[in-house]
């Protein structure tokens, strides 16, 4: 399987998840719900207009089906005859284990994992420590932050927001934005938490119940956050996600042309790992990439594109290309003054 192949990796992960969940049996509607939540909008993936759902649920001929599941007494079970609690386990390569061992040395990772989980991982990676150095991670293209992060507070806030996401509960938060504006006791539905490796900061996507719009806050600027236990919102997280999906993308994607010099392709996929993308080869070491994004994330997308340096250019839309050119001109004028 090709690295960074969106379609193949996405469906590979979905099959992996369903096979593990099907150890004790899954009903048809449960499998369909899992597929609908994770598959692409384009349902047809096989030849002759076959669907992923149909091939997984054995709705075609034996040759056309995946044959991963078998039906018994109204439920579908994995074909894997494995007595382990997890039939299909993740097996890390040697390089991945070195990477993992290096990552758990990062303070932010240690803080989020907690002592118990950290000790289990360190025990599992004992052979890595004994056989070689774990200093295999080199952070490149990373911004030096001008603020200090209170790891204990950020970790606490992280898990409060995560609790709101898991239990579909609104949160009440107070925040100071980058311009110094204060927002106190704001009511919002938490949508997701993301981490920017380049900026070394956590952000939370929220849906403001007071302004009826999507917003994003940095965890390190939060003054306070708590679960709104006694508030029953008529707006549900599922409704917000459905609404966001309807307005998910700008009218057209941003198309960039990238020359793979000095690891530009790898840095590009790392920077846009949370965005849906389509990529294609146009010449040797030269690629064209479509980036789909929420409209309120456009500034972030532009900033990420510019961070890739001279190895990338915006092909379309013209409006975004002009924004990038204007920013480059302003930066050049600033440096020459």
Protein backbone atom coordinates (compact mmCIF):
# COMPACT_ATOMS: atom_id res chain seq x y z
CA UNK A 1 0.00 0.00 0.00
CA UNK A 2 1.38 3.40 -1.00
CA UNK A 3 2.23 5.78 1.81
CA UNK A 4 -0.15 8.76 2.01
CA UNK A 5 -2.66 7.23 -0.42
CA UNK A 6 -5.86 8.75 0.99
CA UNK A 7 -8.39 6.30 -0.42
CA UNK A 8 -6.47 3.08 0.22
CA UNK A 9 -5.35 4.03 3.73
CA UNK A 10 -8.79 5.28 4.73
CA UNK A 11 -10.53 2.05 3.71
CA UNK A 12 -7.68 -0.08 5.08
CA UNK A 13 -8.25 1.50 8.50
CA UNK A 14 -12.01 0.95 8.22
CA UNK A 15 -11.57 -2.75 7.43
CA UNK A 16 -9.05 -3.05 10.27
CA UNK A 17 -11.52 -1.52 12.72
CA UNK A 18 -14.52 -3.60 11.62
CA UNK A 19 -12.58 -6.88 11.73
CA UNK A 20 -11.60 -6.20 15.33
CA UNK A 21 -15.08 -5.10 16.39
CA UNK A 22 -16.63 -8.13 14.65
CA UNK A 23 -14.79 -10.60 16.91
CA UNK A 24 -17.91 -10.88 19.06
CA UNK A 25 -20.33 -10.16 16.23
CA UNK A 26 -21.80 -7.03 14.66
CA UNK A 27 -25.30 -6.48 13.36
CA UNK A 28 -25.71 -5.29 9.78
CA UNK A 29 -26.98 -1.84 10.80
CA UNK A 30 -23.94 -1.40 13.10
CA UNK A 31 -21.56 -2.12 10.22
CA UNK A 32 -23.45 0.21 7.89
CA UNK A 33 -23.28 2.98 10.50
CA UNK A 34 -19.51 2.53 10.83
CA UNK A 35 -19.09 2.68 7.06
CA UNK A 36 -21.30 5.75 6.64
CA UNK A 37 -19.36 7.61 9.33
CA UNK A 38 -15.94 6.96 7.77
CA UNK A 39 -16.21 6.33 4.04
CA UNK A 40 -15.92 9.01 1.38
CA UNK A 41 -19.03 10.64 -0.08
CA UNK A 42 -18.34 8.77 -3.32
CA UNK A 43 -19.89 5.37 -2.59
CA UNK A 44 -18.75 3.49 -5.69
CA UNK A 45 -15.17 2.21 -5.39
CA UNK A 46 -15.14 -1.10 -7.26
CA UNK A 47 -15.69 -2.14 -10.85
CA UNK A 48 -19.19 -2.36 -12.29
CA UNK A 49 -20.52 0.23 -9.80
CA UNK A 50 -19.89 -1.91 -6.74
CA UNK A 51 -19.82 -0.29 -3.29
CA UNK A 52 -17.52 -0.80 -0.31
CA UNK A 53 -20.56 -1.65 1.82
CA UNK A 54 -21.75 -4.27 -0.64
CA UNK A 55 -18.35 -5.94 -1.00
CA UNK A 56 -17.84 -6.00 2.78
CA UNK A 57 -21.33 -7.45 3.47
CA UNK A 58 -20.95 -10.13 0.78
CA UNK A 59 -23.73 -8.78 -1.43
CA UNK A 60 -22.06 -9.76 -4.71
CA UNK A 61 -20.40 -12.88 -6.08
CA UNK A 62 -17.71 -14.68 -4.09
CA UNK A 63 -15.07 -13.36 -6.48
CA UNK A 64 -16.26 -9.75 -6.10
CA UNK A 65 -16.78 -9.75 -2.30
CA UNK A 66 -14.03 -9.03 0.20
CA UNK A 67 -14.96 -12.23 2.11
CA UNK A 68 -13.69 -10.72 5.38
CA UNK A 69 -16.90 -11.41 7.32
CA UNK A 70 -19.25 -14.35 7.68
CA UNK A 71 -22.88 -14.17 8.79
CA UNK A 72 -24.15 -16.38 11.60
CA UNK A 73 -27.57 -16.06 13.28
CA UNK A 74 -28.12 -12.48 12.13
CA UNK A 75 -24.67 -11.17 13.03
CA UNK A 76 -21.43 -10.77 11.11
CA UNK A 77 -18.20 -12.23 12.49
CA UNK A 78 -14.57 -11.81 11.46
CA UNK A 79 -13.12 -14.74 9.49
CA UNK A 80 -9.97 -14.51 11.62
CA UNK A 81 -9.69 -17.49 13.97
CA UNK A 82 -7.83 -15.66 16.69
CA UNK A 83 -8.53 -16.16 20.38
CA UNK A 84 -6.81 -12.89 21.40
CA UNK A 85 -8.94 -10.00 22.63
CA UNK A 86 -7.68 -8.04 19.62
CA UNK A 87 -7.72 -10.35 16.57
CA UNK A 88 -5.89 -7.99 14.22
CA UNK A 89 -3.08 -6.21 16.02
CA UNK A 90 -0.95 -3.29 14.92
CA UNK A 91 2.64 -4.39 14.47
CA UNK A 92 5.22 -1.62 14.40
CA UNK A 93 8.35 -1.75 12.31
CA UNK A 94 11.76 -1.29 13.93
CA UNK A 95 11.92 2.30 12.71
CA UNK A 96 8.42 3.03 14.03
CA UNK A 97 9.40 1.64 17.42
CA UNK A 98 12.43 3.97 17.53
CA UNK A 99 10.14 6.86 16.59
CA UNK A 100 7.63 5.87 19.28
CA UNK A 101 10.37 5.62 21.87
CA UNK A 102 11.56 9.09 20.95
CA UNK A 103 8.07 10.60 21.05
CA UNK A 104 7.32 9.43 24.59
CA UNK A 105 10.29 11.52 25.72
CA UNK A 106 8.44 14.68 24.69
CA UNK A 107 7.01 16.52 27.76
CA UNK A 108 3.65 17.20 26.12
CA UNK A 109 3.25 13.51 25.19
CA UNK A 110 4.17 12.39 28.71
CA UNK A 111 1.69 14.82 30.22
CA UNK A 112 -1.20 13.64 28.02
CA UNK A 113 -0.51 9.92 28.34
CA UNK A 114 -0.24 9.88 32.11
CA UNK A 115 2.04 7.82 34.33
CA UNK A 116 0.30 4.44 33.98
CA UNK A 117 0.16 4.43 30.16
CA UNK A 118 3.68 5.81 29.95
CA UNK A 119 5.08 3.00 32.10
CA UNK A 120 3.37 0.37 29.92
CA UNK A 121 4.85 1.88 26.76
CA UNK A 122 8.32 2.13 28.27
CA UNK A 123 8.14 -1.54 29.27
CA UNK A 124 7.01 -2.53 25.76
CA UNK A 125 9.90 -0.57 24.24
CA UNK A 126 12.65 -1.94 26.49
CA UNK A 127 14.40 -3.67 23.58
CA UNK A 128 14.58 -0.37 21.70
CA UNK A 129 16.40 1.29 24.60
CA UNK A 130 18.84 -1.58 24.93
CA UNK A 131 19.74 -1.93 21.24
CA UNK A 132 20.30 1.64 20.22
CA UNK A 133 19.77 5.34 20.60
CA UNK A 134 16.28 6.78 20.41
CA UNK A 135 17.46 10.16 19.16
CA UNK A 136 16.08 9.63 15.67
CA UNK A 137 13.55 12.47 15.58
CA UNK A 138 14.54 15.74 13.99
CA UNK A 139 11.97 18.52 14.09
CA UNK A 140 12.20 20.76 11.04
CA UNK A 141 10.24 23.80 9.89
CA UNK A 142 9.06 24.36 13.46
CA UNK A 143 8.14 27.77 14.86
CA UNK A 144 9.69 28.94 18.12
CA UNK A 145 6.77 29.94 20.34
CA UNK A 146 6.90 33.19 22.29
CA UNK A 147 4.76 31.81 25.11
CA UNK A 148 5.14 29.25 27.88
CA UNK A 149 2.73 26.32 28.10
CA UNK A 150 1.40 25.19 31.46
CA UNK A 151 1.39 21.46 30.71
CA UNK A 152 -0.63 20.54 33.79
CA UNK A 153 -3.40 23.03 32.96
CA UNK A 154 -3.36 22.27 29.23
CA UNK A 155 -3.67 18.54 29.94
CA UNK A 156 -6.58 19.14 32.31
CA UNK A 157 -8.33 21.36 29.72
CA UNK A 158 -7.61 18.78 26.99
CA UNK A 159 -9.43 16.03 28.88
CA UNK A 160 -12.35 18.28 29.82
CA UNK A 161 -12.91 19.13 26.14
CA UNK A 162 -12.43 15.47 25.22
CA UNK A 163 -15.06 14.51 27.80
CA UNK A 164 -17.45 16.98 26.17
CA UNK A 165 -16.81 15.40 22.75
CA UNK A 166 -17.22 11.81 23.96
CA UNK A 167 -20.33 12.46 26.07
CA UNK A 168 -21.75 15.06 23.65
CA UNK A 169 -21.92 17.72 26.35
CA UNK A 170 -21.55 21.49 25.79
CA UNK A 171 -18.69 23.33 27.51
CA UNK A 172 -18.40 26.75 29.12
CA UNK A 173 -15.06 28.44 28.47
CA UNK A 174 -13.24 31.74 28.91
CA UNK A 175 -10.53 32.65 26.42
CA UNK A 176 -8.18 35.44 25.35
CA UNK A 177 -7.57 35.55 21.58
CA UNK A 178 -4.35 36.54 19.80
CA UNK A 179 -5.44 40.19 19.74
CA UNK A 180 -6.01 40.32 23.49
CA UNK A 181 -9.82 40.23 23.28
CA UNK A 182 -11.47 38.43 26.21
CA UNK A 183 -14.44 36.09 25.87
CA UNK A 184 -15.86 35.03 29.22
CA UNK A 185 -18.30 32.21 30.02
CA UNK A 186 -18.91 31.30 26.39
CA UNK A 187 -21.18 28.32 25.67
CA UNK A 188 -20.10 25.97 22.88
CA UNK A 189 -20.25 22.42 21.58
CA UNK A 190 -16.76 20.85 21.25
CA UNK A 191 -16.20 19.31 17.82
CA UNK A 192 -12.59 18.12 17.77
CA UNK A 193 -9.10 18.68 19.18
CA UNK A 194 -6.07 18.94 16.91
CA UNK A 195 -2.35 19.37 17.41
CA UNK A 196 -0.03 21.39 15.19
CA UNK A 197 3.46 19.89 15.18
CA UNK A 198 4.84 22.96 13.45
CA UNK A 199 3.43 25.39 16.03
CA UNK A 200 3.65 22.96 18.94
CA UNK A 201 0.18 23.88 20.15
CA UNK A 202 -3.23 22.28 20.67
CA UNK A 203 -6.38 23.81 19.24
CA UNK A 204 -10.04 23.00 19.75
CA UNK A 205 -12.73 23.38 17.11
CA UNK A 206 -15.96 24.53 18.75
CA UNK A 207 -19.44 25.50 17.65
CA UNK A 208 -20.52 28.62 19.51
CA UNK A 209 -24.12 28.31 20.72
CA UNK A 210 -24.22 32.07 21.31
CA UNK A 211 -22.96 33.14 17.89
CA UNK A 212 -24.17 30.08 15.94
CA UNK A 213 -20.89 29.65 14.11
CA UNK A 214 -17.74 27.57 14.11
CA UNK A 215 -14.74 28.92 15.99
CA UNK A 216 -11.28 27.72 16.96
CA UNK A 217 -9.43 28.38 20.22
CA UNK A 218 -5.87 27.64 21.33
CA UNK A 219 -5.71 25.55 24.48
CA UNK A 220 -2.82 27.59 25.87
CA UNK A 221 -4.96 30.79 25.77
CA UNK A 222 -7.89 29.26 27.66
CA UNK A 223 -8.42 30.84 31.07
CA UNK A 224 -11.04 28.30 32.16
CA UNK A 225 -13.12 25.48 30.67
CA UNK A 226 -15.74 23.20 32.24
CA UNK A 227 -18.58 20.90 31.24
CA UNK A 228 -22.03 22.53 31.16
CA UNK A 229 -23.68 19.69 33.08
CA UNK A 230 -26.99 21.44 33.72
CA UNK A 231 -27.45 22.74 30.19
CA UNK A 232 -29.43 20.69 27.69
CA UNK A 233 -28.76 22.11 24.27
CA UNK A 234 -31.29 21.62 21.49
CA UNK A 235 -28.32 21.69 19.12
CA UNK A 236 -26.54 18.32 19.12
CA UNK A 237 -22.97 17.59 18.08
CA UNK A 238 -24.29 15.23 15.40
CA UNK A 239 -26.39 18.07 13.94
CA UNK A 240 -23.39 20.40 13.94
CA UNK A 241 -21.22 17.81 12.17
CA UNK A 242 -23.94 17.30 9.58
CA UNK A 243 -24.22 21.04 9.09
CA UNK A 244 -20.45 21.38 8.79
CA UNK A 245 -20.38 18.56 6.27
CA UNK A 246 -22.92 20.38 4.12
CA UNK A 247 -20.72 23.48 4.24
CA UNK A 248 -17.54 21.51 4.60
CA UNK A 249 -15.52 22.86 1.74
CA UNK A 250 -15.00 26.15 0.03
CA UNK A 251 -16.53 26.30 -3.43
CA UNK A 252 -13.30 25.05 -4.99
CA UNK A 253 -10.19 23.41 -3.49
CA UNK A 254 -6.82 25.13 -3.43
CA UNK A 255 -4.60 23.45 -6.01
CA UNK A 256 -0.86 23.62 -5.50
CA UNK A 257 2.08 22.39 -7.55
CA UNK A 258 4.90 20.96 -5.47
CA UNK A 259 8.46 19.98 -6.35
CA UNK A 260 9.79 17.33 -3.98
CA UNK A 261 13.07 18.96 -2.94
CA UNK A 262 14.49 18.77 0.59
CA UNK A 263 11.58 16.66 1.81
CA UNK A 264 8.92 19.15 0.63
CA UNK A 265 6.40 16.40 -0.17
CA UNK A 266 6.73 14.81 3.26
CA UNK A 267 6.45 18.20 4.97
CA UNK A 268 3.40 19.00 2.86
CA UNK A 269 1.56 15.84 3.86
CA UNK A 270 2.53 16.37 7.48
CA UNK A 271 1.25 19.97 7.41
CA UNK A 272 -2.03 19.02 5.75
CA UNK A 273 -2.57 15.71 7.57
CA UNK A 274 -5.91 16.92 8.99
CA UNK A 275 -7.21 18.06 5.58
CA UNK A 276 -8.75 15.98 2.82
CA UNK A 277 -6.50 15.95 -0.25
CA UNK A 278 -6.18 14.56 -3.73
CA UNK A 279 -2.69 14.22 -5.18
CA UNK A 280 -1.33 13.23 -8.57
CA UNK A 281 2.06 13.00 -10.25
CA UNK A 282 2.61 15.39 -13.17
CA UNK A 283 6.36 14.94 -13.69
CA UNK A 284 9.21 13.17 -11.93
CA UNK A 285 9.39 14.60 -8.38
CA UNK A 286 6.65 17.10 -9.25
CA UNK A 287 3.11 16.77 -7.95
CA UNK A 288 -0.24 18.52 -8.04
CA UNK A 289 -2.33 18.52 -4.86
CA UNK A 290 -5.92 19.62 -4.24
CA UNK A 291 -6.56 20.75 -0.66
CA UNK A 292 -10.14 20.81 0.64
CA UNK A 293 -10.84 22.93 3.68
CA UNK A 294 -13.42 24.69 5.83
CA UNK A 295 -13.84 28.26 4.70
CA UNK A 296 -12.91 29.61 8.13
CA UNK A 297 -9.58 27.75 7.85
CA UNK A 298 -8.38 29.56 4.75
CA UNK A 299 -5.83 31.74 6.58
CA UNK A 300 -4.38 28.62 8.17
CA UNK A 301 -4.13 26.85 4.80
CA UNK A 302 -2.38 29.84 3.23
CA UNK A 303 0.10 30.00 6.10
CA UNK A 304 0.87 26.28 5.76
CA UNK A 305 1.41 26.64 2.01
CA UNK A 306 3.84 29.52 2.51
CA UNK A 307 5.77 27.54 5.13
CA UNK A 308 6.75 25.05 2.39
CA UNK A 309 9.01 27.68 0.85
CA UNK A 310 10.01 28.08 -2.82
CA UNK A 311 9.16 24.51 -3.79
CA UNK A 312 5.43 25.17 -4.03
CA UNK A 313 3.20 27.45 -6.06
CA UNK A 314 -0.55 28.03 -5.97
CA UNK A 315 -2.16 27.18 -9.32
CA UNK A 316 -5.76 27.98 -8.39
CA UNK A 317 -7.96 29.67 -7.44
CA UNK A 318 -6.54 32.99 -8.62
CA UNK A 319 -7.88 34.79 -5.55
CA UNK A 320 -5.79 32.65 -3.18
CA UNK A 321 -2.75 32.90 -5.47
CA UNK A 322 -2.97 36.70 -5.24
CA UNK A 323 -3.20 36.50 -1.43
CA UNK A 324 0.02 34.45 -1.33
CA UNK A 325 1.82 36.82 -3.74
CA UNK A 326 0.73 39.83 -1.69
CA UNK A 327 1.99 38.27 1.55
CA UNK A 328 5.34 37.42 -0.04
CA UNK A 329 5.70 40.99 -1.33
CA UNK A 330 4.95 42.43 2.08
CA UNK A 331 7.42 40.08 3.76
CA UNK A 332 10.11 41.04 1.22
CA UNK A 333 9.48 44.76 1.74
CA UNK A 334 9.67 44.30 5.51
CA UNK A 335 13.04 42.51 5.24
CA UNK A 336 14.54 45.19 2.98
CA UNK A 337 13.50 48.15 5.17
